[in-house]
């Protein structure tokens, strides 16, 4: 996926300024496709050159004029063509998991601190996704145009919950040094030992 495809997808909602697109990346699509503001502005220029977006200048008093970007018919066709291609599963590049792989060679206190920070990060993201879900889709349903957004948010909650559970498990295992009796597979109730 290219950043341009993500921008075209954002513009299906409504015309936006570069600033509004950057904010949209910060609060929604950016959860699964990262881009900084400068990258977005550079890509908008390229999309405009290709004819995929058009910009309309809006005159403002007391402020610089702004450009409002709209998807063109060529842009819609490009987005449709991109969306028809098969997606690729995301690859994981995570330095924390590499540290876990080399567990015997790393500083255990630093690793625990790193996992604790990661745990808090993912708890915060899970709570954020849950707040967005409750605000945008309070009854758990969505109109057809927003079904993808609803499904993405649900996946986000599940993903964050899974990472939170993994971090909690990792901290427990690193504290006790054992996995056999303490780890419960997700979705299963702990089994009582017979004896």
C-alpha atoms as a PDB file:
ATOM      1  CA  UNK A   1       0.000   0.000   0.000  1.00  0.00           C
ATOM      2  CA  UNK A   2       1.233   3.443  -0.822  1.00  0.00           C
ATOM      3  CA  UNK A   3       0.490   6.543   1.206  1.00  0.00           C
ATOM      4  CA  UNK A   4      -1.383   7.933  -1.804  1.00  0.00           C
ATOM      5  CA  UNK A   5      -3.892   5.066  -1.618  1.00  0.00           C
ATOM      6  CA  UNK A   6      -4.512   5.814   2.060  1.00  0.00           C
ATOM      7  CA  UNK A   7      -5.068   9.497   1.269  1.00  0.00           C
ATOM      8  CA  UNK A   8      -7.497   8.637  -1.528  1.00  0.00           C
ATOM      9  CA  UNK A   9      -9.361   6.374   0.919  1.00  0.00           C
ATOM     10  CA  UNK A  10      -9.617   9.256   3.422  1.00  0.00           C
ATOM     11  CA  UNK A  11     -10.986  11.581   0.775  1.00  0.00           C
ATOM     12  CA  UNK A  12     -13.883   9.200   0.097  1.00  0.00           C
ATOM     13  CA  UNK A  13     -15.423  10.552   3.313  1.00  0.00           C
ATOM     14  CA  UNK A  14     -15.403  14.231   2.305  1.00  0.00           C
ATOM     15  CA  UNK A  15     -13.194  16.950   0.821  1.00  0.00           C
ATOM     16  CA  UNK A  16     -10.413  17.922   3.253  1.00  0.00           C
ATOM     17  CA  UNK A  17      -7.514  20.295   3.642  1.00  0.00           C
ATOM     18  CA  UNK A  18      -4.022  18.909   4.100  1.00  0.00           C
ATOM     19  CA  UNK A  19      -4.314  19.779   7.789  1.00  0.00           C
ATOM     20  CA  UNK A  20      -7.606  17.892   8.106  1.00  0.00           C
ATOM     21  CA  UNK A  21      -6.078  14.884   6.346  1.00  0.00           C
ATOM     22  CA  UNK A  22      -3.133  14.950   8.742  1.00  0.00           C
ATOM     23  CA  UNK A  23      -5.533  15.070  11.696  1.00  0.00           C
ATOM     24  CA  UNK A  24      -7.518  12.171  10.210  1.00  0.00           C
ATOM     25  CA  UNK A  25      -4.286  10.177  10.041  1.00  0.00           C
ATOM     26  CA  UNK A  26      -3.566  11.086  13.661  1.00  0.00           C
ATOM     27  CA  UNK A  27      -6.974   9.935  14.906  1.00  0.00           C
ATOM     28  CA  UNK A  28      -8.191   7.128  12.641  1.00  0.00           C
ATOM     29  CA  UNK A  29      -6.458   5.695   9.594  1.00  0.00           C
ATOM     30  CA  UNK A  30      -3.115   6.359  11.274  1.00  0.00           C
ATOM     31  CA  UNK A  31      -3.839   3.522  13.688  1.00  0.00           C
ATOM     32  CA  UNK A  32      -2.992   1.146  10.849  1.00  0.00           C
ATOM     33  CA  UNK A  33      -1.079   3.291   8.328  1.00  0.00           C
ATOM     34  CA  UNK A  34       1.471   5.759   9.704  1.00  0.00           C
ATOM     35  CA  UNK A  35       2.464   9.000   8.002  1.00  0.00           C
ATOM     36  CA  UNK A  36       3.697  12.310   9.291  1.00  0.00           C
ATOM     37  CA  UNK A  37       2.232  15.625   8.199  1.00  0.00           C
ATOM     38  CA  UNK A  38       5.043  16.484   5.773  1.00  0.00           C
ATOM     39  CA  UNK A  39       4.696  13.129   4.011  1.00  0.00           C
ATOM     40  CA  UNK A  40       0.971  13.766   3.583  1.00  0.00           C
ATOM     41  CA  UNK A  41       1.531  17.223   2.055  1.00  0.00           C
ATOM     42  CA  UNK A  42       4.193  15.878  -0.348  1.00  0.00           C
ATOM     43  CA  UNK A  43       1.900  13.018  -1.397  1.00  0.00           C
ATOM     44  CA  UNK A  44      -1.030  15.401  -1.963  1.00  0.00           C
ATOM     45  CA  UNK A  45       1.136  17.304  -4.435  1.00  0.00           C
ATOM     46  CA  UNK A  46       1.926  14.060  -6.302  1.00  0.00           C
ATOM     47  CA  UNK A  47      -1.745  13.019  -6.335  1.00  0.00           C
ATOM     48  CA  UNK A  48      -2.666  16.417  -7.708  1.00  0.00           C
ATOM     49  CA  UNK A  49      -0.032  16.102 -10.457  1.00  0.00           C
ATOM     50  CA  UNK A  50      -1.488  12.682 -11.395  1.00  0.00           C
ATOM     51  CA  UNK A  51      -4.994  14.106 -11.526  1.00  0.00           C
ATOM     52  CA  UNK A  52      -6.257  11.927  -8.663  1.00  0.00           C
ATOM     53  CA  UNK A  53      -7.209  14.907  -6.509  1.00  0.00           C
ATOM     54  CA  UNK A  54      -8.073  18.490  -7.259  1.00  0.00           C
ATOM     55  CA  UNK A  55      -7.542  21.409  -4.940  1.00  0.00           C
ATOM     56  CA  UNK A  56      -9.848  24.358  -4.503  1.00  0.00           C
ATOM     57  CA  UNK A  57      -8.442  27.461  -2.853  1.00  0.00           C
ATOM     58  CA  UNK A  58     -10.565  28.856  -0.046  1.00  0.00           C
ATOM     59  CA  UNK A  59      -9.896  32.490   0.780  1.00  0.00           C
ATOM     60  CA  UNK A  60      -9.760  33.245   4.500  1.00  0.00           C
ATOM     61  CA  UNK A  61      -9.596  36.619   6.168  1.00  0.00           C
ATOM     62  CA  UNK A  62      -6.866  37.110   8.724  1.00  0.00           C
ATOM     63  CA  UNK A  63      -5.332  33.710   7.873  1.00  0.00           C
ATOM     64  CA  UNK A  64      -3.510  32.247   4.897  1.00  0.00           C
ATOM     65  CA  UNK A  65      -5.754  30.808   2.198  1.00  0.00           C
ATOM     66  CA  UNK A  66      -6.244  27.057   2.357  1.00  0.00           C
ATOM     67  CA  UNK A  67      -6.510  24.316  -0.233  1.00  0.00           C
ATOM     68  CA  UNK A  68      -9.409  21.865   0.042  1.00  0.00           C
ATOM     69  CA  UNK A  69      -8.705  18.576  -1.717  1.00  0.00           C
ATOM     70  CA  UNK A  70     -11.388  16.545  -3.467  1.00  0.00           C
ATOM     71  CA  UNK A  71     -11.167  13.115  -5.017  1.00  0.00           C
ATOM     72  CA  UNK A  72     -11.489  13.211  -8.827  1.00  0.00           C
ATOM     73  CA  UNK A  73     -13.086  10.521 -10.977  1.00  0.00           C
ATOM     74  CA  UNK A  74      -9.531   9.438 -11.916  1.00  0.00           C
ATOM     75  CA  UNK A  75      -8.713   9.226  -8.216  1.00  0.00           C
ATOM     76  CA  UNK A  76     -11.782   7.089  -7.540  1.00  0.00           C
ATOM     77  CA  UNK A  77     -10.787   4.796 -10.420  1.00  0.00           C
ATOM     78  CA  UNK A  78      -7.215   4.552  -9.065  1.00  0.00           C
ATOM     79  CA  UNK A  79      -8.532   3.716  -5.587  1.00  0.00           C
ATOM     80  CA  UNK A  80     -10.900   1.111  -7.005  1.00  0.00           C
ATOM     81  CA  UNK A  81      -8.057  -0.446  -9.035  1.00  0.00           C
ATOM     82  CA  UNK A  82      -5.783  -0.526  -5.970  1.00  0.00           C
ATOM     83  CA  UNK A  83      -8.540  -2.036  -3.786  1.00  0.00           C
ATOM     84  CA  UNK A  84      -9.162  -4.829  -6.332  1.00  0.00           C
ATOM     85  CA  UNK A  85      -5.613  -6.152  -5.910  1.00  0.00           C
ATOM     86  CA  UNK A  86      -5.010  -8.809  -3.239  1.00  0.00           C
ATOM     87  CA  UNK A  87      -3.756  -7.452   0.070  1.00  0.00           C
ATOM     88  CA  UNK A  88      -0.593  -8.724   1.708  1.00  0.00           C
ATOM     89  CA  UNK A  89      -0.589  -9.855   5.313  1.00  0.00           C
ATOM     90  CA  UNK A  90       1.298  -7.381   7.477  1.00  0.00           C
ATOM     91  CA  UNK A  91       4.784  -8.345   8.535  1.00  0.00           C
ATOM     92  CA  UNK A  92       5.949  -7.839  12.091  1.00  0.00           C
ATOM     93  CA  UNK A  93       9.118  -5.912  12.870  1.00  0.00           C
ATOM     94  CA  UNK A  94       9.288  -5.558  16.618  1.00  0.00           C
ATOM     95  CA  UNK A  95      12.519  -5.030  18.503  1.00  0.00           C
ATOM     96  CA  UNK A  96      10.886  -6.162  21.757  1.00  0.00           C
ATOM     97  CA  UNK A  97      10.216  -9.588  20.251  1.00  0.00           C
ATOM     98  CA  UNK A  98      13.839  -9.810  19.097  1.00  0.00           C
ATOM     99  CA  UNK A  99      14.923  -9.066  22.686  1.00  0.00           C
ATOM    100  CA  UNK A 100      12.605 -11.803  23.926  1.00  0.00           C
ATOM    101  CA  UNK A 101      14.197 -14.198  21.423  1.00  0.00           C
ATOM    102  CA  UNK A 102      17.606 -13.471  22.979  1.00  0.00           C
ATOM    103  CA  UNK A 103      16.253 -13.498  26.532  1.00  0.00           C
ATOM    104  CA  UNK A 104      19.346 -14.949  28.200  1.00  0.00           C
ATOM    105  CA  UNK A 105      21.567 -12.215  26.765  1.00  0.00           C
ATOM    106  CA  UNK A 106      19.556  -9.119  27.730  1.00  0.00           C
ATOM    107  CA  UNK A 107      19.265  -7.044  30.896  1.00  0.00           C
ATOM    108  CA  UNK A 108      16.167  -8.440  32.608  1.00  0.00           C
ATOM    109  CA  UNK A 109      15.295  -5.246  34.513  1.00  0.00           C
ATOM    110  CA  UNK A 110      15.434  -3.170  31.329  1.00  0.00           C
ATOM    111  CA  UNK A 111      13.339  -5.777  29.521  1.00  0.00           C
ATOM    112  CA  UNK A 112      10.672  -5.780  32.252  1.00  0.00           C
ATOM    113  CA  UNK A 113      10.556  -1.975  32.158  1.00  0.00           C
ATOM    114  CA  UNK A 114      10.176  -2.108  28.375  1.00  0.00           C
ATOM    115  CA  UNK A 115       7.326  -4.624  28.638  1.00  0.00           C
ATOM    116  CA  UNK A 116       5.616  -2.499  31.310  1.00  0.00           C
ATOM    117  CA  UNK A 117       5.813   0.554  29.031  1.00  0.00           C
ATOM    118  CA  UNK A 118       4.444  -1.497  26.145  1.00  0.00           C
ATOM    119  CA  UNK A 119       1.643  -2.804  28.400  1.00  0.00           C
ATOM    120  CA  UNK A 120       0.562   0.733  29.300  1.00  0.00           C
ATOM    121  CA  UNK A 121       0.740   1.847  25.670  1.00  0.00           C
ATOM    122  CA  UNK A 122      -1.545  -0.973  24.520  1.00  0.00           C
ATOM    123  CA  UNK A 123      -3.944  -0.526  27.457  1.00  0.00           C
ATOM    124  CA  UNK A 124      -4.271   3.123  26.460  1.00  0.00           C
ATOM    125  CA  UNK A 125      -4.859   2.248  22.793  1.00  0.00           C
ATOM    126  CA  UNK A 126      -7.457  -0.384  23.719  1.00  0.00           C
ATOM    127  CA  UNK A 127      -9.291   2.154  25.871  1.00  0.00           C
ATOM    128  CA  UNK A 128      -9.086   4.716  23.063  1.00  0.00           C
ATOM    129  CA  UNK A 129     -10.536   2.283  20.508  1.00  0.00           C
ATOM    130  CA  UNK A 130     -13.309   1.370  22.954  1.00  0.00           C
ATOM    131  CA  UNK A 131     -14.151   5.069  23.480  1.00  0.00           C
ATOM    132  CA  UNK A 132     -14.284   5.665  19.719  1.00  0.00           C
ATOM    133  CA  UNK A 133     -16.493   2.590  19.273  1.00  0.00           C
ATOM    134  CA  UNK A 134     -18.865   3.740  22.006  1.00  0.00           C
ATOM    135  CA  UNK A 135     -19.043   7.262  20.596  1.00  0.00           C
ATOM    136  CA  UNK A 136     -19.361   6.465  16.864  1.00  0.00           C
ATOM    137  CA  UNK A 137     -21.260   3.179  17.083  1.00  0.00           C
ATOM    138  CA  UNK A 138     -23.086   3.197  20.446  1.00  0.00           C
ATOM    139  CA  UNK A 139     -25.503   0.434  19.471  1.00  0.00           C
ATOM    140  CA  UNK A 140     -22.803  -1.689  17.771  1.00  0.00           C
ATOM    141  CA  UNK A 141     -24.215  -1.185  14.269  1.00  0.00           C
ATOM    142  CA  UNK A 142     -23.189   1.024  11.367  1.00  0.00           C
ATOM    143  CA  UNK A 143     -24.661   2.220   8.082  1.00  0.00           C
ATOM    144  CA  UNK A 144     -23.209   0.425   5.036  1.00  0.00           C
ATOM    145  CA  UNK A 145     -20.725   3.254   4.330  1.00  0.00           C
ATOM    146  CA  UNK A 146     -19.230   2.897   7.833  1.00  0.00           C
ATOM    147  CA  UNK A 147     -19.146  -0.916   8.194  1.00  0.00           C
ATOM    148  CA  UNK A 148     -15.436  -1.020   7.374  1.00  0.00           C
ATOM    149  CA  UNK A 149     -14.704   1.546  10.072  1.00  0.00           C
ATOM    150  CA  UNK A 150     -16.721  -0.432  12.618  1.00  0.00           C
ATOM    151  CA  UNK A 151     -14.941  -3.669  11.728  1.00  0.00           C
ATOM    152  CA  UNK A 152     -11.524  -1.973  11.871  1.00  0.00           C
ATOM    153  CA  UNK A 153     -12.267  -0.605  15.339  1.00  0.00           C
ATOM    154  CA  UNK A 154     -13.368  -4.025  16.560  1.00  0.00           C
ATOM    155  CA  UNK A 155     -10.158  -5.545  15.214  1.00  0.00           C
ATOM    156  CA  UNK A 156      -8.196  -2.762  16.898  1.00  0.00           C
ATOM    157  CA  UNK A 157      -9.795  -3.530  20.266  1.00  0.00           C
ATOM    158  CA  UNK A 158      -9.106  -7.255  19.868  1.00  0.00           C
ATOM    159  CA  UNK A 159      -5.512  -6.689  18.786  1.00  0.00           C
ATOM    160  CA  UNK A 160      -4.767  -4.330  21.667  1.00  0.00           C
ATOM    161  CA  UNK A 161      -6.427  -6.713  24.137  1.00  0.00           C
ATOM    162  CA  UNK A 162      -4.285  -9.601  22.831  1.00  0.00           C
ATOM    163  CA  UNK A 163      -1.077  -7.580  23.187  1.00  0.00           C
ATOM    164  CA  UNK A 164      -2.105  -6.481  26.711  1.00  0.00           C
ATOM    165  CA  UNK A 165      -2.675 -10.126  27.666  1.00  0.00           C
ATOM    166  CA  UNK A 166       0.691 -11.113  26.151  1.00  0.00           C
ATOM    167  CA  UNK A 167       2.501  -8.361  28.080  1.00  0.00           C
ATOM    168  CA  UNK A 168       0.827  -9.449  31.318  1.00  0.00           C
ATOM    169  CA  UNK A 169       1.763 -13.060  30.596  1.00  0.00           C
ATOM    170  CA  UNK A 170       5.359 -12.133  29.756  1.00  0.00           C
ATOM    171  CA  UNK A 171       5.745 -10.161  32.993  1.00  0.00           C
ATOM    172  CA  UNK A 172       4.355 -13.048  35.018  1.00  0.00           C
ATOM    173  CA  UNK A 173       6.575 -15.610  33.305  1.00  0.00           C
ATOM    174  CA  UNK A 174       9.679 -13.433  33.665  1.00  0.00           C
ATOM    175  CA  UNK A 175       8.915 -12.938  37.358  1.00  0.00           C
ATOM    176  CA  UNK A 176       8.441 -16.653  38.084  1.00  0.00           C
ATOM    177  CA  UNK A 177      10.743 -18.163  35.482  1.00  0.00           C
ATOM    178  CA  UNK A 178       8.171 -20.792  34.530  1.00  0.00           C
ATOM    179  CA  UNK A 179       5.398 -21.136  31.979  1.00  0.00           C
ATOM    180  CA  UNK A 180       3.997 -24.610  32.415  1.00  0.00           C
ATOM    181  CA  UNK A 181       1.414 -24.120  35.147  1.00  0.00           C
ATOM    182  CA  UNK A 182       0.722 -20.401  35.012  1.00  0.00           C
ATOM    183  CA  UNK A 183      -0.147 -19.628  31.383  1.00  0.00           C
ATOM    184  CA  UNK A 184      -3.758 -20.056  30.313  1.00  0.00           C
ATOM    185  CA  UNK A 185      -4.527 -20.067  26.587  1.00  0.00           C
ATOM    186  CA  UNK A 186      -6.689 -17.114  25.581  1.00  0.00           C
ATOM    187  CA  UNK A 187     -10.356 -17.996  25.776  1.00  0.00           C
ATOM    188  CA  UNK A 188      -9.906 -20.938  28.118  1.00  0.00           C
ATOM    189  CA  UNK A 189     -10.656 -21.033  31.816  1.00  0.00           C
ATOM    190  CA  UNK A 190      -7.780 -22.050  34.079  1.00  0.00           C
ATOM    191  CA  UNK A 191      -7.782 -25.774  34.792  1.00  0.00           C
ATOM    192  CA  UNK A 192      -7.718 -26.976  38.335  1.00  0.00           C
ATOM    193  CA  UNK A 193      -4.891 -29.369  39.084  1.00  0.00           C
ATOM    194  CA  UNK A 194      -5.869 -32.885  40.091  1.00  0.00           C
ATOM    195  CA  UNK A 195      -4.041 -34.319  42.991  1.00  0.00           C
END
